[in-house]
């Protein structure tokens, strides 16, 4: 029972952190183009400090390596992986530099992981995957 409580706390903790990052990056009323880079750097710091999750290193991993990296974290449920995918893809949609492609590719990897782990089909997830693929096709 104690192990189950620990897992639930870890799942909740990761969800709270990712949602806080999404609010930090996309919830403000400031000029997003000017502050996106600063917010992303703050989000990377939050992930590193709170979860020991190195976002920069994660972006460089292959799909297989990414899946293994995420599997090392207790609490990365399908829902939390999907939240991270949404966050990464939103960064890509708002990043007007050449870096957006790496964010889109990583988001697709994360969504693929969700599809592998989830027994439930998600129309919303598939819509997001299609939007990302369309953005990658236009680059």
C-alpha atoms as a PDB file:
ATOM      1  CA  UNK A   1       0.000   0.000   0.000  1.00  0.00           C
ATOM      2  CA  UNK A   2       2.866   2.355   0.834  1.00  0.00           C
ATOM      3  CA  UNK A   3       4.430   1.776  -2.628  1.00  0.00           C
ATOM      4  CA  UNK A   4       1.109   2.616  -4.311  1.00  0.00           C
ATOM      5  CA  UNK A   5       0.823   5.868  -2.345  1.00  0.00           C
ATOM      6  CA  UNK A   6       4.378   6.785  -3.367  1.00  0.00           C
ATOM      7  CA  UNK A   7       3.605   6.139  -7.054  1.00  0.00           C
ATOM      8  CA  UNK A   8       0.448   8.221  -6.904  1.00  0.00           C
ATOM      9  CA  UNK A   9       2.346  11.095  -5.264  1.00  0.00           C
ATOM     10  CA  UNK A  10       5.052  10.927  -7.937  1.00  0.00           C
ATOM     11  CA  UNK A  11       2.482  10.895 -10.755  1.00  0.00           C
ATOM     12  CA  UNK A  12       0.713  13.875  -9.209  1.00  0.00           C
ATOM     13  CA  UNK A  13       4.012  15.718  -8.631  1.00  0.00           C
ATOM     14  CA  UNK A  14       5.066  15.385 -12.265  1.00  0.00           C
ATOM     15  CA  UNK A  15       1.635  16.495 -13.457  1.00  0.00           C
ATOM     16  CA  UNK A  16       1.717  19.560 -11.214  1.00  0.00           C
ATOM     17  CA  UNK A  17       5.195  20.522 -12.406  1.00  0.00           C
ATOM     18  CA  UNK A  18       4.354  20.149 -16.104  1.00  0.00           C
ATOM     19  CA  UNK A  19       1.145  22.137 -15.673  1.00  0.00           C
ATOM     20  CA  UNK A  20       3.095  24.855 -13.846  1.00  0.00           C
ATOM     21  CA  UNK A  21       5.548  24.954 -16.733  1.00  0.00           C
ATOM     22  CA  UNK A  22       2.715  25.261 -19.264  1.00  0.00           C
ATOM     23  CA  UNK A  23       1.263  28.174 -17.285  1.00  0.00           C
ATOM     24  CA  UNK A  24       4.684  29.776 -17.003  1.00  0.00           C
ATOM     25  CA  UNK A  25       5.321  29.592 -20.733  1.00  0.00           C
ATOM     26  CA  UNK A  26       1.854  30.072 -22.201  1.00  0.00           C
ATOM     27  CA  UNK A  27      -0.315  31.538 -19.452  1.00  0.00           C
ATOM     28  CA  UNK A  28       1.130  35.024 -19.296  1.00  0.00           C
ATOM     29  CA  UNK A  29      -0.144  38.107 -21.017  1.00  0.00           C
ATOM     30  CA  UNK A  30       3.307  39.361 -22.000  1.00  0.00           C
ATOM     31  CA  UNK A  31       4.827  39.473 -25.446  1.00  0.00           C
ATOM     32  CA  UNK A  32       5.308  35.760 -26.120  1.00  0.00           C
ATOM     33  CA  UNK A  33       7.860  36.200 -28.898  1.00  0.00           C
ATOM     34  CA  UNK A  34      10.170  38.230 -26.676  1.00  0.00           C
ATOM     35  CA  UNK A  35       9.856  36.095 -23.565  1.00  0.00           C
ATOM     36  CA  UNK A  36       9.430  32.557 -24.950  1.00  0.00           C
ATOM     37  CA  UNK A  37      13.143  31.804 -24.730  1.00  0.00           C
ATOM     38  CA  UNK A  38      13.303  33.071 -21.131  1.00  0.00           C
ATOM     39  CA  UNK A  39      10.237  31.061 -20.132  1.00  0.00           C
ATOM     40  CA  UNK A  40      11.601  27.917 -21.768  1.00  0.00           C
ATOM     41  CA  UNK A  41      14.875  28.341 -19.883  1.00  0.00           C
ATOM     42  CA  UNK A  42      12.936  28.765 -16.624  1.00  0.00           C
ATOM     43  CA  UNK A  43      10.901  25.648 -17.444  1.00  0.00           C
ATOM     44  CA  UNK A  44      14.085  23.677 -18.111  1.00  0.00           C
ATOM     45  CA  UNK A  45      15.365  24.786 -14.720  1.00  0.00           C
ATOM     46  CA  UNK A  46      12.150  23.674 -13.031  1.00  0.00           C
ATOM     47  CA  UNK A  47      12.354  20.240 -14.640  1.00  0.00           C
ATOM     48  CA  UNK A  48      15.985  19.862 -13.665  1.00  0.00           C
ATOM     49  CA  UNK A  49      15.575  21.117 -10.088  1.00  0.00           C
ATOM     50  CA  UNK A  50      12.286  19.407  -9.259  1.00  0.00           C
ATOM     51  CA  UNK A  51      12.602  16.135 -11.182  1.00  0.00           C
ATOM     52  CA  UNK A  52      16.269  15.903 -12.184  1.00  0.00           C
ATOM     53  CA  UNK A  53      14.964  15.835 -15.778  1.00  0.00           C
ATOM     54  CA  UNK A  54      17.527  17.286 -18.201  1.00  0.00           C
ATOM     55  CA  UNK A  55      15.373  18.741 -20.981  1.00  0.00           C
ATOM     56  CA  UNK A  56      18.294  19.782 -23.203  1.00  0.00           C
ATOM     57  CA  UNK A  57      19.786  16.282 -23.090  1.00  0.00           C
ATOM     58  CA  UNK A  58      16.309  14.813 -23.613  1.00  0.00           C
ATOM     59  CA  UNK A  59      15.849  16.789 -26.832  1.00  0.00           C
ATOM     60  CA  UNK A  60      18.962  15.142 -28.288  1.00  0.00           C
ATOM     61  CA  UNK A  61      17.898  11.554 -27.586  1.00  0.00           C
ATOM     62  CA  UNK A  62      16.535   9.168 -30.202  1.00  0.00           C
ATOM     63  CA  UNK A  63      12.999   7.891 -29.793  1.00  0.00           C
ATOM     64  CA  UNK A  64      14.178   4.670 -28.154  1.00  0.00           C
ATOM     65  CA  UNK A  65      16.520   6.552 -25.831  1.00  0.00           C
ATOM     66  CA  UNK A  66      13.751   9.035 -24.982  1.00  0.00           C
ATOM     67  CA  UNK A  67      11.392   6.220 -24.035  1.00  0.00           C
ATOM     68  CA  UNK A  68      14.071   4.663 -21.833  1.00  0.00           C
ATOM     69  CA  UNK A  69      14.872   8.037 -20.249  1.00  0.00           C
ATOM     70  CA  UNK A  70      11.228   8.649 -19.362  1.00  0.00           C
ATOM     71  CA  UNK A  71      10.867   5.098 -18.045  1.00  0.00           C
ATOM     72  CA  UNK A  72      13.542   5.920 -15.455  1.00  0.00           C
ATOM     73  CA  UNK A  73      11.221   8.453 -13.799  1.00  0.00           C
ATOM     74  CA  UNK A  74       8.641   7.189 -11.381  1.00  0.00           C
ATOM     75  CA  UNK A  75       5.383   8.997 -12.053  1.00  0.00           C
ATOM     76  CA  UNK A  76       5.523   9.559 -15.788  1.00  0.00           C
ATOM     77  CA  UNK A  77       2.085   8.161 -16.523  1.00  0.00           C
ATOM     78  CA  UNK A  78       0.601   8.299 -20.013  1.00  0.00           C
ATOM     79  CA  UNK A  79      -1.235  11.459 -18.982  1.00  0.00           C
ATOM     80  CA  UNK A  80       1.983  13.132 -17.830  1.00  0.00           C
ATOM     81  CA  UNK A  81       3.853  12.100 -20.983  1.00  0.00           C
ATOM     82  CA  UNK A  82       0.998  13.596 -22.988  1.00  0.00           C
ATOM     83  CA  UNK A  83       1.177  16.821 -20.947  1.00  0.00           C
ATOM     84  CA  UNK A  84       4.895  16.999 -21.686  1.00  0.00           C
ATOM     85  CA  UNK A  85       4.204  16.366 -25.391  1.00  0.00           C
ATOM     86  CA  UNK A  86       1.662  19.197 -25.418  1.00  0.00           C
ATOM     87  CA  UNK A  87       4.115  21.516 -23.723  1.00  0.00           C
ATOM     88  CA  UNK A  88       6.918  20.642 -26.151  1.00  0.00           C
ATOM     89  CA  UNK A  89       4.670  21.022 -29.204  1.00  0.00           C
ATOM     90  CA  UNK A  90       3.357  24.382 -27.950  1.00  0.00           C
ATOM     91  CA  UNK A  91       6.937  25.571 -27.674  1.00  0.00           C
ATOM     92  CA  UNK A  92       7.436  24.460 -31.285  1.00  0.00           C
ATOM     93  CA  UNK A  93       4.311  26.261 -32.481  1.00  0.00           C
ATOM     94  CA  UNK A  94       5.380  29.470 -30.755  1.00  0.00           C
ATOM     95  CA  UNK A  95       9.084  29.287 -31.584  1.00  0.00           C
ATOM     96  CA  UNK A  96       9.668  31.140 -34.835  1.00  0.00           C
ATOM     97  CA  UNK A  97      13.294  30.014 -35.130  1.00  0.00           C
ATOM     98  CA  UNK A  98      14.786  26.949 -36.754  1.00  0.00           C
ATOM     99  CA  UNK A  99      14.557  25.172 -33.390  1.00  0.00           C
ATOM    100  CA  UNK A 100      10.836  24.532 -33.804  1.00  0.00           C
ATOM    101  CA  UNK A 101      11.541  21.385 -35.851  1.00  0.00           C
ATOM    102  CA  UNK A 102      13.359  19.682 -32.969  1.00  0.00           C
ATOM    103  CA  UNK A 103      10.461  20.485 -30.637  1.00  0.00           C
ATOM    104  CA  UNK A 104       7.943  19.064 -33.110  1.00  0.00           C
ATOM    105  CA  UNK A 105       9.984  15.904 -33.600  1.00  0.00           C
ATOM    106  CA  UNK A 106      10.312  15.378 -29.852  1.00  0.00           C
ATOM    107  CA  UNK A 107       6.585  15.998 -29.343  1.00  0.00           C
ATOM    108  CA  UNK A 108       5.821  13.346 -31.979  1.00  0.00           C
ATOM    109  CA  UNK A 109       8.097  10.903 -30.168  1.00  0.00           C
ATOM    110  CA  UNK A 110       6.245  11.585 -26.936  1.00  0.00           C
ATOM    111  CA  UNK A 111       2.837  11.192 -28.571  1.00  0.00           C
ATOM    112  CA  UNK A 112       4.009   7.899 -30.099  1.00  0.00           C
ATOM    113  CA  UNK A 113       4.998   6.750 -26.616  1.00  0.00           C
ATOM    114  CA  UNK A 114       1.513   7.686 -25.391  1.00  0.00           C
ATOM    115  CA  UNK A 115      -0.054   5.662 -28.191  1.00  0.00           C
ATOM    116  CA  UNK A 116       2.141   2.666 -27.312  1.00  0.00           C
ATOM    117  CA  UNK A 117       1.356   2.808 -23.595  1.00  0.00           C
ATOM    118  CA  UNK A 118      -2.304   3.764 -23.731  1.00  0.00           C
ATOM    119  CA  UNK A 119      -5.025   1.239 -24.362  1.00  0.00           C
ATOM    120  CA  UNK A 120      -7.403   4.059 -25.248  1.00  0.00           C
ATOM    121  CA  UNK A 121      -7.590   5.802 -28.615  1.00  0.00           C
ATOM    122  CA  UNK A 122      -7.527   9.575 -28.281  1.00  0.00           C
ATOM    123  CA  UNK A 123      -9.004  11.667 -31.072  1.00  0.00           C
ATOM    124  CA  UNK A 124      -7.553  14.796 -29.460  1.00  0.00           C
ATOM    125  CA  UNK A 125      -4.075  13.258 -29.429  1.00  0.00           C
ATOM    126  CA  UNK A 126      -4.370  12.217 -33.075  1.00  0.00           C
ATOM    127  CA  UNK A 127      -5.479  15.733 -34.024  1.00  0.00           C
ATOM    128  CA  UNK A 128      -2.408  17.167 -32.318  1.00  0.00           C
ATOM    129  CA  UNK A 129      -0.177  14.631 -34.071  1.00  0.00           C
ATOM    130  CA  UNK A 130      -1.663  15.632 -37.442  1.00  0.00           C
ATOM    131  CA  UNK A 131      -1.093  19.330 -36.723  1.00  0.00           C
ATOM    132  CA  UNK A 132       2.544  18.663 -35.854  1.00  0.00           C
ATOM    133  CA  UNK A 133       3.059  16.546 -38.960  1.00  0.00           C
ATOM    134  CA  UNK A 134       1.572  19.346 -41.067  1.00  0.00           C
ATOM    135  CA  UNK A 135       4.020  21.829 -39.537  1.00  0.00           C
ATOM    136  CA  UNK A 136       6.942  19.505 -40.216  1.00  0.00           C
ATOM    137  CA  UNK A 137       5.798  19.018 -43.810  1.00  0.00           C
ATOM    138  CA  UNK A 138       5.825  22.778 -44.428  1.00  0.00           C
ATOM    139  CA  UNK A 139       9.409  23.192 -43.174  1.00  0.00           C
END
